[in-house]
Amino acid sequence: MSENGINILVLGKSGVGKSSFCNYIFDEGIFLTGKGKPVTGWNEHFKHYSVDYEHYKLNVYDSVGIETDNYKEWKSKLDQFLNDRSHYSNKNPMEWVHGAFYLINAASARIEKIEAELIKDISFKHNIPLVVVLTNVDAASPAEIKGIRSELTKLCAKDSIDIEITEVCSVSIKTRVGVKNRYGKEETLDLFLTSLDEKLRVSLINYF
């Protein structure tokens, strides 16, 4: 798999920090970043960049941020993309989406209905290994982080969804007592690759 690359899809609402997450996790400065506004346009939708991590080649597919007024078109394009590259397709396994990150702001009050549906679709319907990443954890309270984790756990139990959850702070922040450094990169990638290795075995056996 490492010779051809691991195909990774990154999804999330506008302003959740997808580009900052990608730049931090994959050591690249090619993803545009902004604060609370859309920075990935439709012309970059599902455009991918190849980066190296240890002995792996990672093909990272960026996506337009989800917004209320673009969701119908966004979901249609996602379904088309995943139907063509899911583990149930007739594509060569090297062309599958091997795994995905779904980003959620840790300070969110709750998981929205469309987000719950997307998590279910990606992990259950398309059988794609999924890691849910809680972003902006530096700005969230312990209670908010615990609340989001609890909602995700209940969602998984209700719909028999198998996902991993991790926390990431993608940007360094200056505080009165110094600089709060970024964290979560190694833990997130190691968790993702370990989960991928376990879950893809079943899909590959079924394919062959």
N, C-alpha and C. Protein backbone atom coordinates (compact mmCIF):
# COMPACT_ATOMS: atom_id res chain seq x y z
N MET A 1 0.81 -1.20 0.00
CA MET A 1 0.00 0.00 0.00
C MET A 1 0.85 1.26 0.00
N SER A 2 1.99 1.24 0.73
CA SER A 2 2.80 2.43 0.87
C SER A 2 3.43 2.86 -0.45
N GLU A 3 3.62 1.91 -1.40
CA GLU A 3 4.23 2.25 -2.67
C GLU A 3 3.30 3.13 -3.51
N ASN A 4 2.00 2.82 -3.50
CA ASN A 4 1.04 3.57 -4.29
C ASN A 4 0.45 4.74 -3.51
N GLY A 5 0.42 4.64 -2.23
CA GLY A 5 -0.10 5.72 -1.40
C GLY A 5 -1.40 5.36 -0.70
N ILE A 6 -1.61 5.97 0.45
CA ILE A 6 -2.83 5.81 1.22
C ILE A 6 -3.70 7.03 0.95
N ASN A 7 -4.91 6.81 0.47
CA ASN A 7 -5.81 7.89 0.11
C ASN A 7 -6.65 8.32 1.31
N ILE A 8 -6.50 9.58 1.72
CA ILE A 8 -7.14 10.09 2.93
C ILE A 8 -8.03 11.28 2.59
N LEU A 9 -9.26 11.24 3.05
CA LEU A 9 -10.21 12.32 2.82
C LEU A 9 -10.37 13.13 4.10
N VAL A 10 -10.33 14.46 3.99
CA VAL A 10 -10.48 15.35 5.15
C VAL A 10 -11.76 16.16 4.97
N LEU A 11 -12.67 16.05 5.93
CA LEU A 11 -13.98 16.69 5.85
C LEU A 11 -14.29 17.49 7.11
N GLY A 12 -15.20 18.45 6.99
CA GLY A 12 -15.63 19.21 8.15
C GLY A 12 -16.35 20.48 7.75
N LYS A 13 -17.00 21.11 8.70
CA LYS A 13 -17.71 22.35 8.44
C LYS A 13 -16.72 23.49 8.19
N SER A 14 -17.18 24.54 7.53
CA SER A 14 -16.36 25.73 7.32
C SER A 14 -15.95 26.31 8.67
N GLY A 15 -14.68 26.71 8.77
CA GLY A 15 -14.19 27.33 9.99
C GLY A 15 -13.75 26.38 11.07
N VAL A 16 -13.84 25.06 10.81
CA VAL A 16 -13.46 24.10 11.83
C VAL A 16 -11.96 23.92 11.92
N GLY A 17 -11.24 24.38 10.87
CA GLY A 17 -9.77 24.30 10.89
C GLY A 17 -9.18 23.18 10.07
N LYS A 18 -9.84 22.83 8.97
CA LYS A 18 -9.33 21.73 8.14
C LYS A 18 -7.95 22.01 7.57
N SER A 19 -7.77 23.20 6.99
CA SER A 19 -6.49 23.52 6.36
C SER A 19 -5.36 23.61 7.39
N SER A 20 -5.65 24.22 8.54
CA SER A 20 -4.65 24.30 9.61
C SER A 20 -4.29 22.90 10.10
N PHE A 21 -5.30 22.04 10.21
CA PHE A 21 -5.09 20.65 10.62
C PHE A 21 -4.18 19.94 9.64
N CYS A 22 -4.47 20.08 8.33
CA CYS A 22 -3.67 19.41 7.31
C CYS A 22 -2.23 19.92 7.30
N ASN A 23 -2.05 21.23 7.44
CA ASN A 23 -0.70 21.78 7.44
C ASN A 23 0.10 21.28 8.64
N TYR A 24 -0.55 21.13 9.78
CA TYR A 24 0.13 20.64 10.98
C TYR A 24 0.39 19.14 10.90
N ILE A 25 -0.63 18.37 10.57
CA ILE A 25 -0.51 16.91 10.57
C ILE A 25 0.44 16.41 9.49
N PHE A 26 0.40 17.05 8.32
CA PHE A 26 1.17 16.53 7.18
C PHE A 26 2.40 17.36 6.84
N ASP A 27 2.78 18.30 7.71
CA ASP A 27 4.01 19.08 7.54
C ASP A 27 4.09 19.81 6.21
N GLU A 28 3.00 20.37 5.78
CA GLU A 28 3.00 21.08 4.50
C GLU A 28 2.40 22.47 4.68
N GLY A 29 2.77 23.39 3.80
CA GLY A 29 2.20 24.72 3.83
C GLY A 29 1.38 25.01 2.59
N ILE A 30 0.87 23.95 1.96
CA ILE A 30 0.17 24.10 0.68
C ILE A 30 -1.34 24.26 0.85
N PHE A 31 -1.82 24.09 2.08
CA PHE A 31 -3.25 24.25 2.31
C PHE A 31 -3.51 25.66 2.81
N LEU A 32 -4.39 26.40 2.13
CA LEU A 32 -4.72 27.75 2.55
C LEU A 32 -5.41 27.73 3.90
N THR A 33 -5.14 28.76 4.71
CA THR A 33 -5.76 28.82 6.03
C THR A 33 -6.46 30.16 6.23
N GLY A 34 -7.46 30.15 7.07
CA GLY A 34 -8.19 31.37 7.40
C GLY A 34 -8.81 31.21 8.77
N LYS A 35 -9.42 32.27 9.28
CA LYS A 35 -10.03 32.21 10.60
C LYS A 35 -11.55 32.33 10.46
N GLY A 36 -12.24 31.21 10.66
CA GLY A 36 -13.68 31.22 10.67
C GLY A 36 -14.34 31.52 9.35
N LYS A 37 -13.64 31.34 8.24
CA LYS A 37 -14.25 31.61 6.94
C LYS A 37 -13.81 30.55 5.94
N PRO A 38 -14.59 30.32 4.87
CA PRO A 38 -14.22 29.31 3.88
C PRO A 38 -12.94 29.73 3.15
N VAL A 39 -12.00 28.81 3.03
CA VAL A 39 -10.77 29.12 2.29
C VAL A 39 -10.51 28.10 1.18
N THR A 40 -11.24 27.01 1.16
CA THR A 40 -11.11 26.02 0.09
C THR A 40 -12.29 26.17 -0.85
N GLY A 41 -12.01 26.51 -2.12
CA GLY A 41 -13.08 26.73 -3.09
C GLY A 41 -13.44 25.47 -3.83
N TRP A 42 -14.52 25.55 -4.62
CA TRP A 42 -14.99 24.37 -5.35
C TRP A 42 -13.94 23.87 -6.34
N ASN A 43 -13.09 24.77 -6.82
CA ASN A 43 -12.05 24.32 -7.76
C ASN A 43 -11.00 23.46 -7.08
N GLU A 44 -10.94 23.50 -5.72
CA GLU A 44 -10.02 22.62 -4.99
C GLU A 44 -10.74 21.43 -4.36
N HIS A 45 -12.06 21.31 -4.60
CA HIS A 45 -12.84 20.25 -3.97
C HIS A 45 -12.30 18.87 -4.38
N PHE A 46 -11.89 18.09 -3.39
CA PHE A 46 -11.32 16.75 -3.58
C PHE A 46 -10.01 16.76 -4.37
N LYS A 47 -9.36 17.92 -4.43
CA LYS A 47 -8.00 17.97 -4.98
C LYS A 47 -7.07 17.36 -3.95
N HIS A 48 -6.06 16.61 -4.40
CA HIS A 48 -5.21 15.95 -3.41
C HIS A 48 -3.75 16.35 -3.53
N TYR A 49 -3.06 16.20 -2.41
CA TYR A 49 -1.63 16.46 -2.32
C TYR A 49 -0.98 15.22 -1.72
N SER A 50 0.19 14.88 -2.22
CA SER A 50 0.91 13.71 -1.71
C SER A 50 2.03 14.16 -0.78
N VAL A 51 2.05 13.59 0.41
CA VAL A 51 3.07 13.91 1.40
C VAL A 51 3.60 12.60 1.98
N ASP A 52 4.74 12.67 2.64
CA ASP A 52 5.36 11.49 3.23
C ASP A 52 5.27 11.54 4.75
N TYR A 53 4.99 10.39 5.34
CA TYR A 53 5.02 10.25 6.79
C TYR A 53 5.67 8.92 7.11
N GLU A 54 6.87 8.98 7.73
CA GLU A 54 7.67 7.79 7.99
C GLU A 54 7.84 7.04 6.66
N HIS A 55 7.41 5.78 6.55
CA HIS A 55 7.59 5.05 5.30
C HIS A 55 6.31 5.00 4.47
N TYR A 56 5.38 5.89 4.79
CA TYR A 56 4.11 5.92 4.07
C TYR A 56 4.04 7.10 3.12
N LYS A 57 3.37 6.91 2.00
CA LYS A 57 3.00 8.01 1.11
C LYS A 57 1.51 8.27 1.34
N LEU A 58 1.17 9.50 1.71
CA LEU A 58 -0.20 9.84 2.03
C LEU A 58 -0.76 10.80 0.97
N ASN A 59 -1.83 10.39 0.32
CA ASN A 59 -2.52 11.24 -0.65
C ASN A 59 -3.70 11.89 0.07
N VAL A 60 -3.57 13.18 0.39
CA VAL A 60 -4.54 13.88 1.21
C VAL A 60 -5.53 14.64 0.33
N TYR A 61 -6.80 14.28 0.41
CA TYR A 61 -7.86 14.92 -0.37
C TYR A 61 -8.57 15.97 0.48
N ASP A 62 -8.41 17.23 0.10
CA ASP A 62 -9.07 18.32 0.81
C ASP A 62 -10.51 18.45 0.28
N SER A 63 -11.33 19.21 0.98
CA SER A 63 -12.72 19.38 0.55
C SER A 63 -13.23 20.75 0.95
N VAL A 64 -14.25 21.21 0.24
CA VAL A 64 -14.92 22.46 0.59
C VAL A 64 -15.59 22.30 1.95
N GLY A 65 -15.53 23.34 2.77
CA GLY A 65 -16.18 23.29 4.08
C GLY A 65 -17.69 23.24 3.95
N ILE A 66 -18.32 22.51 4.84
CA ILE A 66 -19.79 22.38 4.82
C ILE A 66 -20.42 23.65 5.37
N GLU A 67 -21.40 24.18 4.63
CA GLU A 67 -22.18 25.32 5.07
C GLU A 67 -23.65 25.06 4.79
N THR A 68 -24.51 25.82 5.46
CA THR A 68 -25.95 25.62 5.31
C THR A 68 -26.40 25.77 3.86
N ASP A 69 -25.85 26.78 3.17
CA ASP A 69 -26.33 27.06 1.82
C ASP A 69 -25.64 26.25 0.73
N ASN A 70 -24.66 25.41 1.10
CA ASN A 70 -24.01 24.61 0.06
C ASN A 70 -24.15 23.10 0.30
N TYR A 71 -24.88 22.74 1.37
CA TYR A 71 -24.87 21.34 1.79
C TYR A 71 -25.42 20.40 0.72
N LYS A 72 -26.51 20.79 0.07
CA LYS A 72 -27.12 19.90 -0.93
C LYS A 72 -26.13 19.57 -2.05
N GLU A 73 -25.47 20.61 -2.58
CA GLU A 73 -24.48 20.39 -3.64
C GLU A 73 -23.26 19.65 -3.09
N TRP A 74 -22.84 20.03 -1.90
CA TRP A 74 -21.67 19.40 -1.25
C TRP A 74 -21.90 17.90 -1.07
N LYS A 75 -23.08 17.54 -0.54
CA LYS A 75 -23.39 16.13 -0.27
C LYS A 75 -23.48 15.34 -1.57
N SER A 76 -24.04 15.95 -2.62
CA SER A 76 -24.14 15.28 -3.91
C SER A 76 -22.75 14.95 -4.46
N LYS A 77 -21.84 15.91 -4.34
CA LYS A 77 -20.47 15.69 -4.83
C LYS A 77 -19.74 14.65 -3.97
N LEU A 78 -19.99 14.67 -2.67
CA LEU A 78 -19.35 13.68 -1.79
C LEU A 78 -19.85 12.28 -2.12
N ASP A 79 -21.16 12.11 -2.28
CA ASP A 79 -21.72 10.80 -2.59
C ASP A 79 -21.14 10.26 -3.90
N GLN A 80 -21.04 11.13 -4.89
CA GLN A 80 -20.48 10.72 -6.17
C GLN A 80 -19.02 10.27 -6.02
N PHE A 81 -18.27 11.04 -5.25
CA PHE A 81 -16.86 10.74 -5.02
C PHE A 81 -16.70 9.41 -4.27
N LEU A 82 -17.48 9.22 -3.20
CA LEU A 82 -17.34 8.02 -2.39
C LEU A 82 -17.90 6.78 -3.08
N ASN A 83 -18.99 6.95 -3.82
CA ASN A 83 -19.54 5.80 -4.54
C ASN A 83 -18.53 5.26 -5.56
N ASP A 84 -17.74 6.16 -6.11
CA ASP A 84 -16.74 5.77 -7.09
C ASP A 84 -15.49 5.17 -6.45
N ARG A 85 -15.29 5.49 -5.16
CA ARG A 85 -14.04 5.08 -4.52
C ARG A 85 -14.23 4.33 -3.20
N SER A 86 -15.45 3.88 -2.93
CA SER A 86 -15.68 3.17 -1.68
C SER A 86 -15.14 1.74 -1.77
N HIS A 87 -15.09 1.09 -0.65
CA HIS A 87 -14.58 -0.28 -0.59
C HIS A 87 -15.54 -1.27 -1.24
N TYR A 88 -16.75 -0.81 -1.56
CA TYR A 88 -17.72 -1.67 -2.23
C TYR A 88 -17.69 -1.47 -3.74
N SER A 89 -16.87 -0.53 -4.22
CA SER A 89 -16.82 -0.26 -5.66
C SER A 89 -15.99 -1.32 -6.37
N ASN A 90 -16.01 -1.26 -7.70
CA ASN A 90 -15.22 -2.21 -8.50
C ASN A 90 -13.81 -1.68 -8.78
N LYS A 91 -13.48 -0.54 -8.17
CA LYS A 91 -12.17 0.04 -8.37
C LYS A 91 -11.07 -0.83 -7.77
N ASN A 92 -9.88 -0.71 -8.35
CA ASN A 92 -8.71 -1.33 -7.74
C ASN A 92 -8.55 -0.77 -6.34
N PRO A 93 -8.22 -1.59 -5.34
CA PRO A 93 -8.07 -1.11 -3.96
C PRO A 93 -7.14 0.09 -3.81
N MET A 94 -6.18 0.25 -4.72
CA MET A 94 -5.28 1.40 -4.62
C MET A 94 -5.99 2.71 -4.95
N GLU A 95 -7.19 2.62 -5.54
CA GLU A 95 -7.96 3.81 -5.88
C GLU A 95 -9.06 4.10 -4.87
N TRP A 96 -9.23 3.25 -3.86
CA TRP A 96 -10.22 3.47 -2.83
C TRP A 96 -9.85 4.71 -2.00
N VAL A 97 -10.84 5.27 -1.33
CA VAL A 97 -10.56 6.14 -0.20
C VAL A 97 -10.29 5.20 0.97
N HIS A 98 -9.05 5.15 1.41
CA HIS A 98 -8.67 4.16 2.42
C HIS A 98 -9.11 4.55 3.83
N GLY A 99 -9.20 5.85 4.06
CA GLY A 99 -9.61 6.32 5.37
C GLY A 99 -9.98 7.79 5.32
N ALA A 100 -10.61 8.28 6.39
CA ALA A 100 -11.06 9.67 6.40
C ALA A 100 -10.93 10.28 7.79
N PHE A 101 -10.71 11.59 7.80
CA PHE A 101 -10.78 12.38 9.02
C PHE A 101 -12.02 13.26 8.93
N TYR A 102 -12.84 13.26 9.99
CA TYR A 102 -13.94 14.21 10.07
C TYR A 102 -13.69 15.13 11.25
N LEU A 103 -13.59 16.44 10.98
CA LEU A 103 -13.22 17.41 12.00
C LEU A 103 -14.45 18.07 12.61
N ILE A 104 -14.44 18.17 13.94
CA ILE A 104 -15.50 18.83 14.69
C ILE A 104 -14.86 19.79 15.68
N ASN A 105 -15.39 21.00 15.76
CA ASN A 105 -14.91 21.98 16.73
C ASN A 105 -15.24 21.48 18.13
N ALA A 106 -14.22 21.35 18.97
CA ALA A 106 -14.41 20.80 20.31
C ALA A 106 -15.32 21.68 21.17
N ALA A 107 -15.41 22.96 20.82
CA ALA A 107 -16.24 23.87 21.60
C ALA A 107 -17.69 23.91 21.13
N SER A 108 -18.03 23.08 20.15
CA SER A 108 -19.42 23.04 19.66
C SER A 108 -20.34 22.56 20.78
N ALA A 109 -21.53 23.11 20.78
CA ALA A 109 -22.49 22.72 21.82
C ALA A 109 -22.99 21.30 21.62
N ARG A 110 -23.04 20.88 20.34
CA ARG A 110 -23.56 19.54 20.04
C ARG A 110 -23.13 19.13 18.63
N ILE A 111 -23.35 17.87 18.33
CA ILE A 111 -23.12 17.38 16.98
C ILE A 111 -24.40 17.57 16.18
N GLU A 112 -24.31 18.30 15.08
CA GLU A 112 -25.51 18.57 14.29
C GLU A 112 -25.98 17.30 13.57
N LYS A 113 -27.26 17.31 13.21
CA LYS A 113 -27.87 16.15 12.57
C LYS A 113 -27.15 15.76 11.28
N ILE A 114 -26.79 16.76 10.44
CA ILE A 114 -26.12 16.42 9.18
C ILE A 114 -24.74 15.83 9.44
N GLU A 115 -24.09 16.25 10.52
CA GLU A 115 -22.78 15.69 10.84
C GLU A 115 -22.91 14.24 11.29
N ALA A 116 -23.92 13.97 12.09
CA ALA A 116 -24.15 12.59 12.53
C ALA A 116 -24.44 11.69 11.33
N GLU A 117 -25.22 12.21 10.38
CA GLU A 117 -25.54 11.43 9.18
C GLU A 117 -24.29 11.18 8.34
N LEU A 118 -23.42 12.19 8.23
CA LEU A 118 -22.20 12.04 7.46
C LEU A 118 -21.27 11.01 8.09
N ILE A 119 -21.13 11.07 9.39
CA ILE A 119 -20.28 10.10 10.09
C ILE A 119 -20.80 8.69 9.86
N LYS A 120 -22.12 8.53 9.93
CA LYS A 120 -22.72 7.22 9.69
C LYS A 120 -22.51 6.77 8.26
N ASP A 121 -22.70 7.67 7.29
CA ASP A 121 -22.53 7.33 5.88
C ASP A 121 -21.10 6.88 5.57
N ILE A 122 -20.13 7.65 6.05
CA ILE A 122 -18.73 7.36 5.74
C ILE A 122 -18.30 6.03 6.35
N SER A 123 -18.58 5.87 7.64
CA SER A 123 -18.10 4.69 8.35
C SER A 123 -18.93 3.44 8.08
N PHE A 124 -20.26 3.60 8.04
CA PHE A 124 -21.14 2.43 7.94
C PHE A 124 -21.54 2.13 6.50
N LYS A 125 -22.10 3.12 5.82
CA LYS A 125 -22.59 2.91 4.45
C LYS A 125 -21.45 2.61 3.48
N HIS A 126 -20.37 3.41 3.55
CA HIS A 126 -19.26 3.25 2.61
C HIS A 126 -18.12 2.39 3.18
N ASN A 127 -18.23 2.03 4.46
CA ASN A 127 -17.25 1.14 5.09
C ASN A 127 -15.83 1.70 5.06
N ILE A 128 -15.71 3.02 5.23
CA ILE A 128 -14.41 3.68 5.22
C ILE A 128 -13.95 3.94 6.65
N PRO A 129 -12.78 3.47 7.04
CA PRO A 129 -12.26 3.73 8.39
C PRO A 129 -12.23 5.23 8.67
N LEU A 130 -12.78 5.63 9.81
CA LEU A 130 -12.95 7.05 10.10
C LEU A 130 -12.40 7.42 11.47
N VAL A 131 -11.66 8.52 11.50
CA VAL A 131 -11.21 9.11 12.76
C VAL A 131 -11.87 10.47 12.89
N VAL A 132 -12.60 10.70 13.96
CA VAL A 132 -13.20 11.99 14.25
C VAL A 132 -12.18 12.79 15.06
N VAL A 133 -11.84 13.97 14.53
CA VAL A 133 -10.83 14.82 15.18
C VAL A 133 -11.51 16.01 15.83
N LEU A 134 -11.28 16.18 17.12
CA LEU A 134 -11.79 17.36 17.83
C LEU A 134 -10.73 18.45 17.70
N THR A 135 -11.08 19.54 17.03
CA THR A 135 -10.14 20.64 16.81
C THR A 135 -10.39 21.77 17.80
N ASN A 136 -9.46 22.73 17.82
CA ASN A 136 -9.57 23.90 18.70
C ASN A 136 -9.75 23.50 20.16
N VAL A 137 -9.10 22.43 20.55
CA VAL A 137 -9.25 21.95 21.93
C VAL A 137 -8.67 22.92 22.95
N ASP A 138 -7.74 23.78 22.48
CA ASP A 138 -7.16 24.77 23.39
C ASP A 138 -8.19 25.81 23.83
N ALA A 139 -9.22 26.03 22.99
CA ALA A 139 -10.25 27.03 23.29
C ALA A 139 -11.49 26.42 23.92
N ALA A 140 -11.51 25.10 24.05
CA ALA A 140 -12.67 24.42 24.61
C ALA A 140 -12.43 24.05 26.07
N SER A 141 -13.49 24.03 26.84
CA SER A 141 -13.39 23.65 28.25
C SER A 141 -13.40 22.13 28.36
N PRO A 142 -12.89 21.58 29.46
CA PRO A 142 -12.96 20.12 29.66
C PRO A 142 -14.38 19.59 29.57
N ALA A 143 -15.35 20.39 30.05
CA ALA A 143 -16.76 19.96 30.00
C ALA A 143 -17.26 19.88 28.56
N GLU A 144 -16.84 20.85 27.72
CA GLU A 144 -17.26 20.84 26.32
C GLU A 144 -16.67 19.65 25.58
N ILE A 145 -15.40 19.37 25.82
CA ILE A 145 -14.75 18.22 25.18
C ILE A 145 -15.41 16.92 25.62
N LYS A 146 -15.67 16.81 26.91
CA LYS A 146 -16.33 15.61 27.44
C LYS A 146 -17.72 15.45 26.84
N GLY A 147 -18.43 16.57 26.65
CA GLY A 147 -19.78 16.52 26.10
C GLY A 147 -19.79 16.04 24.66
N ILE A 148 -18.86 16.54 23.84
CA ILE A 148 -18.78 16.11 22.44
C ILE A 148 -18.40 14.64 22.37
N ARG A 149 -17.44 14.23 23.19
CA ARG A 149 -17.04 12.80 23.20
C ARG A 149 -18.22 11.92 23.60
N SER A 150 -19.00 12.36 24.56
CA SER A 150 -20.16 11.59 25.01
C SER A 150 -21.19 11.45 23.90
N GLU A 151 -21.44 12.55 23.15
CA GLU A 151 -22.39 12.49 22.04
C GLU A 151 -21.92 11.52 20.96
N LEU A 152 -20.62 11.55 20.66
CA LEU A 152 -20.07 10.64 19.65
C LEU A 152 -20.19 9.19 20.10
N THR A 153 -19.93 8.94 21.37
CA THR A 153 -20.04 7.58 21.90
C THR A 153 -21.47 7.07 21.80
N LYS A 154 -22.44 7.93 22.13
CA LYS A 154 -23.85 7.55 22.04
C LYS A 154 -24.26 7.29 20.59
N LEU A 155 -23.77 8.14 19.68
CA LEU A 155 -24.08 7.96 18.26
C LEU A 155 -23.56 6.62 17.75
N CYS A 156 -22.34 6.29 18.13
CA CYS A 156 -21.73 5.03 17.68
C CYS A 156 -22.48 3.83 18.24
N ALA A 157 -22.87 3.91 19.50
CA ALA A 157 -23.59 2.80 20.14
C ALA A 157 -24.96 2.60 19.50
N LYS A 158 -25.63 3.72 19.19
CA LYS A 158 -26.98 3.65 18.63
C LYS A 158 -26.98 3.03 17.24
N ASP A 159 -26.01 3.42 16.40
CA ASP A 159 -26.01 2.98 15.01
C ASP A 159 -24.92 1.96 14.68
N SER A 160 -24.29 1.39 15.73
CA SER A 160 -23.24 0.38 15.54
C SER A 160 -22.12 0.89 14.62
N ILE A 161 -21.68 2.12 14.87
CA ILE A 161 -20.62 2.73 14.08
C ILE A 161 -19.29 2.54 14.81
N ASP A 162 -18.27 2.20 14.05
CA ASP A 162 -16.95 1.97 14.62
C ASP A 162 -16.01 3.09 14.18
N ILE A 163 -15.75 4.05 15.07
CA ILE A 163 -14.85 5.15 14.75
C ILE A 163 -13.82 5.32 15.87
N GLU A 164 -12.79 6.09 15.57
CA GLU A 164 -11.82 6.50 16.58
C GLU A 164 -11.98 7.99 16.81
N ILE A 165 -11.64 8.45 18.02
CA ILE A 165 -11.75 9.87 18.36
C ILE A 165 -10.42 10.35 18.89
N THR A 166 -9.98 11.53 18.41
CA THR A 166 -8.73 12.09 18.88
C THR A 166 -8.87 13.60 19.00
N GLU A 167 -7.90 14.24 19.66
CA GLU A 167 -7.93 15.68 19.88
C GLU A 167 -6.66 16.31 19.33
N VAL A 168 -6.82 17.47 18.67
CA VAL A 168 -5.68 18.14 18.05
C VAL A 168 -5.75 19.65 18.27
N CYS A 169 -4.62 20.24 18.60
CA CYS A 169 -4.46 21.70 18.60
C CYS A 169 -3.50 22.00 17.46
N SER A 170 -3.99 22.60 16.38
CA SER A 170 -3.21 22.74 15.15
C SER A 170 -2.35 23.99 15.07
N VAL A 171 -2.57 24.94 15.96
CA VAL A 171 -1.81 26.19 15.88
C VAL A 171 -1.23 26.55 17.25
N SER A 172 -0.04 27.17 17.22
CA SER A 172 0.57 27.67 18.45
C SER A 172 -0.09 28.99 18.82
N ILE A 173 -0.35 29.17 20.11
CA ILE A 173 -1.05 30.36 20.56
C ILE A 173 -0.25 31.06 21.66
N LYS A 174 -0.10 32.37 21.52
CA LYS A 174 0.60 33.15 22.54
C LYS A 174 -0.36 33.48 23.68
N THR A 175 0.08 33.20 24.88
CA THR A 175 -0.72 33.52 26.06
C THR A 175 0.09 34.46 26.97
N ARG A 176 -0.51 34.88 28.04
CA ARG A 176 0.19 35.78 28.97
C ARG A 176 1.39 35.11 29.63
N VAL A 177 1.35 33.81 29.70
CA VAL A 177 2.44 33.08 30.38
C VAL A 177 3.39 32.40 29.40
N GLY A 178 3.21 32.67 28.10
CA GLY A 178 4.11 32.07 27.11
C GLY A 178 3.36 31.60 25.88
N VAL A 179 3.92 30.59 25.23
CA VAL A 179 3.33 30.05 24.01
C VAL A 179 2.77 28.66 24.28
N LYS A 180 1.52 28.46 23.88
CA LYS A 180 0.90 27.15 23.99
C LYS A 180 1.13 26.41 22.69
N ASN A 181 1.93 25.38 22.73
CA ASN A 181 2.35 24.68 21.51
C ASN A 181 1.26 23.78 20.95
N ARG A 182 1.41 23.48 19.67
CA ARG A 182 0.52 22.54 19.00
C ARG A 182 0.74 21.14 19.57
N TYR A 183 -0.28 20.31 19.48
CA TYR A 183 -0.12 18.94 19.94
C TYR A 183 -1.17 18.03 19.30
N GLY A 184 -0.89 16.73 19.32
CA GLY A 184 -1.84 15.73 18.84
C GLY A 184 -1.47 15.08 17.52
N LYS A 185 -0.39 15.56 16.88
CA LYS A 185 -0.04 15.06 15.55
C LYS A 185 0.31 13.57 15.56
N GLU A 186 1.33 13.19 16.33
CA GLU A 186 1.79 11.81 16.31
C GLU A 186 0.70 10.85 16.78
N GLU A 187 -0.02 11.25 17.84
CA GLU A 187 -1.08 10.40 18.36
C GLU A 187 -2.17 10.17 17.32
N THR A 188 -2.51 11.24 16.59
CA THR A 188 -3.57 11.15 15.58
C THR A 188 -3.17 10.28 14.41
N LEU A 189 -1.97 10.50 13.88
CA LEU A 189 -1.52 9.70 12.73
C LEU A 189 -1.30 8.25 13.11
N ASP A 190 -0.72 8.00 14.27
CA ASP A 190 -0.50 6.61 14.70
C ASP A 190 -1.83 5.89 14.91
N LEU A 191 -2.79 6.56 15.52
CA LEU A 191 -4.12 5.97 15.73
C LEU A 191 -4.78 5.69 14.39
N PHE A 192 -4.68 6.65 13.47
CA PHE A 192 -5.28 6.50 12.14
C PHE A 192 -4.69 5.32 11.38
N LEU A 193 -3.37 5.23 11.34
CA LEU A 193 -2.71 4.18 10.57
C LEU A 193 -2.92 2.80 11.19
N THR A 194 -2.96 2.74 12.51
CA THR A 194 -3.23 1.47 13.18
C THR A 194 -4.65 1.00 12.89
N SER A 195 -5.61 1.92 12.97
CA SER A 195 -7.00 1.60 12.68
C SER A 195 -7.16 1.17 11.22
N LEU A 196 -6.46 1.87 10.34
CA LEU A 196 -6.51 1.57 8.92
C LEU A 196 -6.01 0.16 8.64
N ASP A 197 -4.92 -0.19 9.25
CA ASP A 197 -4.32 -1.50 9.03
C ASP A 197 -5.27 -2.62 9.44
N GLU A 198 -5.95 -2.42 10.55
CA GLU A 198 -6.87 -3.45 11.05
C GLU A 198 -8.12 -3.58 10.19
N LYS A 199 -8.72 -2.44 9.82
CA LYS A 199 -10.01 -2.46 9.14
C LYS A 199 -9.89 -2.75 7.65
N LEU A 200 -8.78 -2.36 7.03
CA LEU A 200 -8.64 -2.59 5.60
C LEU A 200 -8.41 -4.06 5.28
N ARG A 201 -7.88 -4.80 6.22
CA ARG A 201 -7.64 -6.23 5.98
C ARG A 201 -8.93 -6.93 5.57
N VAL A 202 -10.00 -6.64 6.29
CA VAL A 202 -11.29 -7.28 6.01
C VAL A 202 -11.79 -6.89 4.62
N SER A 203 -11.69 -5.59 4.29
CA SER A 203 -12.16 -5.12 2.97
C SER A 203 -11.34 -5.74 1.86
N LEU A 204 -10.04 -5.86 2.05
CA LEU A 204 -9.18 -6.43 1.00
C LEU A 204 -9.46 -7.92 0.83
N ILE A 205 -9.69 -8.62 1.93
CA ILE A 205 -10.02 -10.05 1.83
C ILE A 205 -11.33 -10.24 1.08
N ASN A 206 -12.33 -9.39 1.38
CA ASN A 206 -13.62 -9.48 0.68
C ASN A 206 -13.46 -9.16 -0.80
N TYR A 207 -12.60 -8.20 -1.11
CA TYR A 207 -12.39 -7.81 -2.51
C TYR A 207 -11.79 -8.95 -3.32
N PHE A 208 -10.76 -9.56 -2.78
CA PHE A 208 -10.06 -10.61 -3.53
C PHE A 208 -10.77 -11.95 -3.44
